[in-house]
């Protein structure tokens, strides 16, 4: 199989994540709709760590993160490797 330089890492991580039991994070989006996001155990652990540090529930952290603007580079379809960490106070648009 011919792949570019970053594809083997992406594919390996994809297979690794698909073999793990997902955790559902329930939260309310900024438009009021109920959401469920499937997280890998590592993502769930990191979300719980952030929530604990901020003194919020994981669902509240995701709700506040929905207000974080998307960087212009990510809008063009490029994959953003790092995710922004939500602050204790949501930003106002």
N, C-alpha and C. Protein backbone atom coordinates (compact mmCIF):
# COMPACT_ATOMS: atom_id res chain seq x y z
N UNK A 1 0.83 -1.16 0.00
CA UNK A 1 0.00 0.00 0.00
C UNK A 1 0.89 1.24 0.00
N UNK A 2 0.67 2.12 -0.95
CA UNK A 2 1.45 3.35 -1.06
C UNK A 2 0.75 4.46 -0.28
N UNK A 3 1.51 5.12 0.59
CA UNK A 3 0.94 6.19 1.40
C UNK A 3 1.92 7.35 1.48
N UNK A 4 1.39 8.53 1.83
CA UNK A 4 2.27 9.68 2.04
C UNK A 4 2.91 9.55 3.42
N UNK A 5 3.75 10.51 3.77
CA UNK A 5 4.51 10.43 5.02
C UNK A 5 3.64 10.38 6.28
N UNK A 6 2.55 11.14 6.32
CA UNK A 6 1.74 11.19 7.54
C UNK A 6 0.60 10.17 7.56
N UNK A 7 0.32 9.52 6.46
CA UNK A 7 -0.81 8.59 6.41
C UNK A 7 -0.62 7.34 7.26
N UNK A 8 0.57 6.73 7.33
CA UNK A 8 0.71 5.55 8.19
C UNK A 8 0.37 5.83 9.66
N UNK A 9 0.79 6.99 10.15
CA UNK A 9 0.49 7.36 11.53
C UNK A 9 -1.01 7.55 11.71
N UNK A 10 -1.64 8.25 10.78
CA UNK A 10 -3.09 8.46 10.84
C UNK A 10 -3.82 7.12 10.82
N UNK A 11 -3.46 6.25 9.90
CA UNK A 11 -4.14 4.96 9.76
C UNK A 11 -3.92 4.08 10.99
N UNK A 12 -2.70 4.08 11.53
CA UNK A 12 -2.43 3.30 12.74
C UNK A 12 -3.26 3.80 13.91
N UNK A 13 -3.34 5.13 14.08
CA UNK A 13 -4.15 5.70 15.16
C UNK A 13 -5.63 5.42 14.96
N UNK A 14 -6.08 5.44 13.72
CA UNK A 14 -7.48 5.14 13.42
C UNK A 14 -7.83 3.71 13.80
N UNK A 15 -6.99 2.77 13.44
CA UNK A 15 -7.22 1.37 13.78
C UNK A 15 -7.14 1.16 15.29
N UNK A 16 -6.17 1.78 15.92
CA UNK A 16 -6.01 1.66 17.37
C UNK A 16 -7.26 2.18 18.08
N UNK A 17 -7.77 3.33 17.65
CA UNK A 17 -8.97 3.91 18.28
C UNK A 17 -10.20 3.05 18.02
N UNK A 18 -10.29 2.44 16.84
CA UNK A 18 -11.48 1.64 16.53
C UNK A 18 -11.53 0.35 17.36
N UNK A 19 -10.41 -0.08 17.89
CA UNK A 19 -10.36 -1.29 18.72
C UNK A 19 -10.67 -1.01 20.18
N UNK A 20 -10.77 0.26 20.55
CA UNK A 20 -11.06 0.63 21.92
C UNK A 20 -12.55 0.86 22.11
N UNK A 21 -13.00 0.67 23.32
CA UNK A 21 -14.41 0.90 23.63
C UNK A 21 -14.65 2.40 23.73
N UNK A 22 -15.57 2.94 22.93
CA UNK A 22 -15.80 4.39 22.98
C UNK A 22 -16.58 4.78 24.23
N UNK A 23 -16.38 6.00 24.65
CA UNK A 23 -17.12 6.60 25.75
C UNK A 23 -17.98 7.71 25.16
N UNK A 24 -19.26 7.75 25.51
CA UNK A 24 -20.13 8.80 25.02
C UNK A 24 -20.14 9.96 25.99
N UNK A 25 -19.88 11.15 25.47
CA UNK A 25 -19.98 12.37 26.26
C UNK A 25 -21.27 13.07 25.83
N UNK A 26 -22.17 13.25 26.77
CA UNK A 26 -23.44 13.92 26.48
C UNK A 26 -23.32 15.39 26.88
N UNK A 27 -23.75 16.26 25.96
CA UNK A 27 -23.66 17.68 26.20
C UNK A 27 -24.70 18.41 25.36
N UNK A 28 -24.91 19.68 25.65
CA UNK A 28 -25.87 20.51 24.92
C UNK A 28 -25.10 21.51 24.08
N UNK A 29 -25.38 21.53 22.78
CA UNK A 29 -24.70 22.44 21.86
C UNK A 29 -25.19 23.86 22.09
N UNK A 30 -24.49 24.82 21.51
CA UNK A 30 -24.84 26.22 21.74
C UNK A 30 -26.21 26.59 21.17
N UNK A 31 -26.74 25.79 20.22
CA UNK A 31 -28.08 26.05 19.70
C UNK A 31 -29.16 25.35 20.52
N UNK A 32 -28.74 24.67 21.61
CA UNK A 32 -29.69 24.02 22.50
C UNK A 32 -29.97 22.56 22.17
N UNK A 33 -29.39 22.04 21.10
CA UNK A 33 -29.64 20.65 20.74
C UNK A 33 -28.75 19.72 21.56
N UNK A 34 -29.33 18.58 21.93
CA UNK A 34 -28.59 17.58 22.71
C UNK A 34 -27.61 16.86 21.79
N UNK A 35 -26.40 16.66 22.25
CA UNK A 35 -25.36 16.01 21.46
C UNK A 35 -24.77 14.84 22.25
N UNK A 36 -24.25 13.87 21.52
CA UNK A 36 -23.46 12.79 22.08
C UNK A 36 -22.21 12.67 21.23
N UNK A 37 -21.07 12.73 21.86
CA UNK A 37 -19.80 12.65 21.15
C UNK A 37 -19.07 11.39 21.61
N UNK A 38 -18.69 10.55 20.66
CA UNK A 38 -17.93 9.34 20.98
C UNK A 38 -16.47 9.71 21.17
N UNK A 39 -15.91 9.33 22.31
CA UNK A 39 -14.52 9.63 22.64
C UNK A 39 -13.75 8.34 22.87
N UNK A 40 -12.48 8.35 22.51
CA UNK A 40 -11.62 7.24 22.86
C UNK A 40 -11.34 7.34 24.36
N UNK A 41 -10.86 6.29 24.99
CA UNK A 41 -10.53 6.39 26.42
C UNK A 41 -9.53 7.51 26.72
N UNK A 42 -8.56 7.71 25.84
CA UNK A 42 -7.58 8.78 26.05
C UNK A 42 -8.25 10.15 25.98
N UNK A 43 -9.15 10.34 25.01
CA UNK A 43 -9.85 11.62 24.89
C UNK A 43 -10.76 11.85 26.09
N UNK A 44 -11.45 10.80 26.54
CA UNK A 44 -12.33 10.92 27.70
C UNK A 44 -11.54 11.28 28.95
N UNK A 45 -10.38 10.67 29.10
CA UNK A 45 -9.53 10.97 30.25
C UNK A 45 -9.06 12.42 30.22
N UNK A 46 -8.66 12.88 29.04
CA UNK A 46 -8.19 14.27 28.93
C UNK A 46 -9.34 15.25 29.17
N UNK A 47 -10.52 14.94 28.64
CA UNK A 47 -11.68 15.80 28.89
C UNK A 47 -12.01 15.85 30.37
N UNK A 48 -11.97 14.71 31.05
CA UNK A 48 -12.24 14.68 32.49
C UNK A 48 -11.20 15.46 33.28
N UNK A 49 -9.95 15.39 32.85
CA UNK A 49 -8.89 16.16 33.51
C UNK A 49 -9.13 17.66 33.37
N UNK A 50 -9.49 18.08 32.17
CA UNK A 50 -9.78 19.50 31.93
C UNK A 50 -10.99 19.94 32.74
N UNK A 51 -12.03 19.12 32.75
CA UNK A 51 -13.25 19.45 33.50
C UNK A 51 -12.95 19.56 34.99
N UNK A 52 -12.17 18.63 35.51
CA UNK A 52 -11.82 18.67 36.94
C UNK A 52 -11.02 19.93 37.27
N UNK A 53 -10.06 20.27 36.40
CA UNK A 53 -9.24 21.47 36.63
C UNK A 53 -10.08 22.73 36.63
N UNK A 54 -11.10 22.78 35.76
CA UNK A 54 -11.95 23.96 35.67
C UNK A 54 -13.11 23.94 36.66
N UNK A 55 -13.31 22.78 37.31
CA UNK A 55 -14.42 22.67 38.26
C UNK A 55 -15.77 22.60 37.56
N UNK A 56 -15.79 22.00 36.37
CA UNK A 56 -17.01 21.89 35.57
C UNK A 56 -17.27 20.43 35.22
N UNK A 57 -18.47 20.15 34.75
CA UNK A 57 -18.74 18.81 34.24
C UNK A 57 -18.17 18.70 32.83
N UNK A 58 -17.87 17.48 32.38
CA UNK A 58 -17.38 17.32 31.00
C UNK A 58 -18.36 17.88 29.96
N UNK A 59 -19.65 17.72 30.19
CA UNK A 59 -20.65 18.26 29.27
C UNK A 59 -20.60 19.77 29.19
N UNK A 60 -20.37 20.42 30.33
CA UNK A 60 -20.27 21.89 30.36
C UNK A 60 -19.00 22.35 29.65
N UNK A 61 -17.91 21.61 29.79
CA UNK A 61 -16.66 21.96 29.09
C UNK A 61 -16.90 21.90 27.58
N UNK A 62 -17.58 20.85 27.10
CA UNK A 62 -17.87 20.74 25.66
C UNK A 62 -18.80 21.85 25.20
N UNK A 63 -19.78 22.21 26.02
CA UNK A 63 -20.70 23.29 25.65
C UNK A 63 -19.93 24.60 25.49
N UNK A 64 -19.04 24.87 26.42
CA UNK A 64 -18.24 26.10 26.32
C UNK A 64 -17.24 26.04 25.17
N UNK A 65 -16.71 24.85 24.90
CA UNK A 65 -15.77 24.70 23.79
C UNK A 65 -16.44 24.94 22.44
N UNK A 66 -17.76 24.71 22.37
CA UNK A 66 -18.49 24.95 21.13
C UNK A 66 -18.48 26.43 20.74
N UNK A 67 -18.17 27.30 21.70
CA UNK A 67 -18.12 28.74 21.42
C UNK A 67 -16.74 29.21 20.99
N UNK A 68 -15.75 28.32 21.01
CA UNK A 68 -14.41 28.70 20.59
C UNK A 68 -14.37 28.78 19.07
N UNK A 69 -13.95 29.91 18.50
CA UNK A 69 -13.93 30.03 17.04
C UNK A 69 -12.94 29.07 16.39
N UNK A 70 -13.28 28.62 15.20
CA UNK A 70 -12.41 27.72 14.44
C UNK A 70 -11.35 28.57 13.74
N UNK A 71 -10.06 28.17 13.84
CA UNK A 71 -9.02 28.93 13.16
C UNK A 71 -9.24 28.90 11.65
N UNK A 72 -8.88 29.97 10.94
CA UNK A 72 -9.09 30.03 9.49
C UNK A 72 -8.47 28.86 8.72
N UNK A 73 -7.33 28.35 9.15
CA UNK A 73 -6.69 27.22 8.46
C UNK A 73 -7.55 25.97 8.52
N UNK A 74 -8.25 25.76 9.62
CA UNK A 74 -9.07 24.55 9.78
C UNK A 74 -10.32 24.60 8.90
N UNK A 75 -10.75 25.78 8.53
CA UNK A 75 -11.96 25.90 7.70
C UNK A 75 -11.73 25.41 6.28
N UNK A 76 -10.48 25.38 5.85
CA UNK A 76 -10.17 24.96 4.49
C UNK A 76 -10.07 23.45 4.35
N UNK A 77 -10.35 22.72 5.43
CA UNK A 77 -10.33 21.27 5.35
C UNK A 77 -9.05 20.64 5.83
N UNK A 78 -8.08 21.44 6.25
CA UNK A 78 -6.86 20.84 6.78
C UNK A 78 -7.13 20.33 8.19
N UNK A 79 -6.47 19.25 8.55
CA UNK A 79 -6.70 18.65 9.86
C UNK A 79 -5.87 19.38 10.90
N UNK A 80 -6.51 19.81 11.98
CA UNK A 80 -5.83 20.48 13.07
C UNK A 80 -5.43 19.42 14.08
N UNK A 81 -4.14 19.31 14.38
CA UNK A 81 -3.64 18.27 15.27
C UNK A 81 -3.92 18.57 16.73
N UNK A 82 -3.81 19.82 17.14
CA UNK A 82 -4.06 20.13 18.54
C UNK A 82 -5.43 20.78 18.67
N UNK A 83 -6.08 20.47 19.78
CA UNK A 83 -7.41 21.02 20.04
C UNK A 83 -7.27 22.12 21.07
N UNK A 84 -8.01 23.23 20.91
CA UNK A 84 -7.92 24.30 21.89
C UNK A 84 -8.51 23.85 23.22
N UNK A 85 -7.93 24.33 24.30
CA UNK A 85 -8.42 24.02 25.63
C UNK A 85 -9.37 25.13 26.04
N UNK A 86 -10.61 24.77 26.46
CA UNK A 86 -11.57 25.81 26.82
C UNK A 86 -11.13 26.54 28.08
N UNK A 87 -11.49 27.81 28.17
CA UNK A 87 -11.20 28.60 29.35
C UNK A 87 -12.35 28.47 30.31
N UNK A 88 -12.17 28.97 31.52
CA UNK A 88 -13.21 28.88 32.53
C UNK A 88 -14.42 29.73 32.14
N UNK A 89 -14.22 30.79 31.41
CA UNK A 89 -15.31 31.65 30.96
C UNK A 89 -15.45 31.57 29.45
N UNK A 90 -16.69 31.39 28.94
CA UNK A 90 -16.85 31.33 27.48
C UNK A 90 -16.59 32.69 26.85
N UNK A 91 -16.09 32.68 25.64
CA UNK A 91 -15.85 33.93 24.92
C UNK A 91 -17.13 34.35 24.24
N UNK A 92 -17.35 35.62 24.17
CA UNK A 92 -18.54 36.15 23.51
C UNK A 92 -18.20 36.51 22.08
N UNK A 93 -19.01 36.05 21.10
CA UNK A 93 -18.73 36.39 19.69
C UNK A 93 -18.91 37.84 19.40
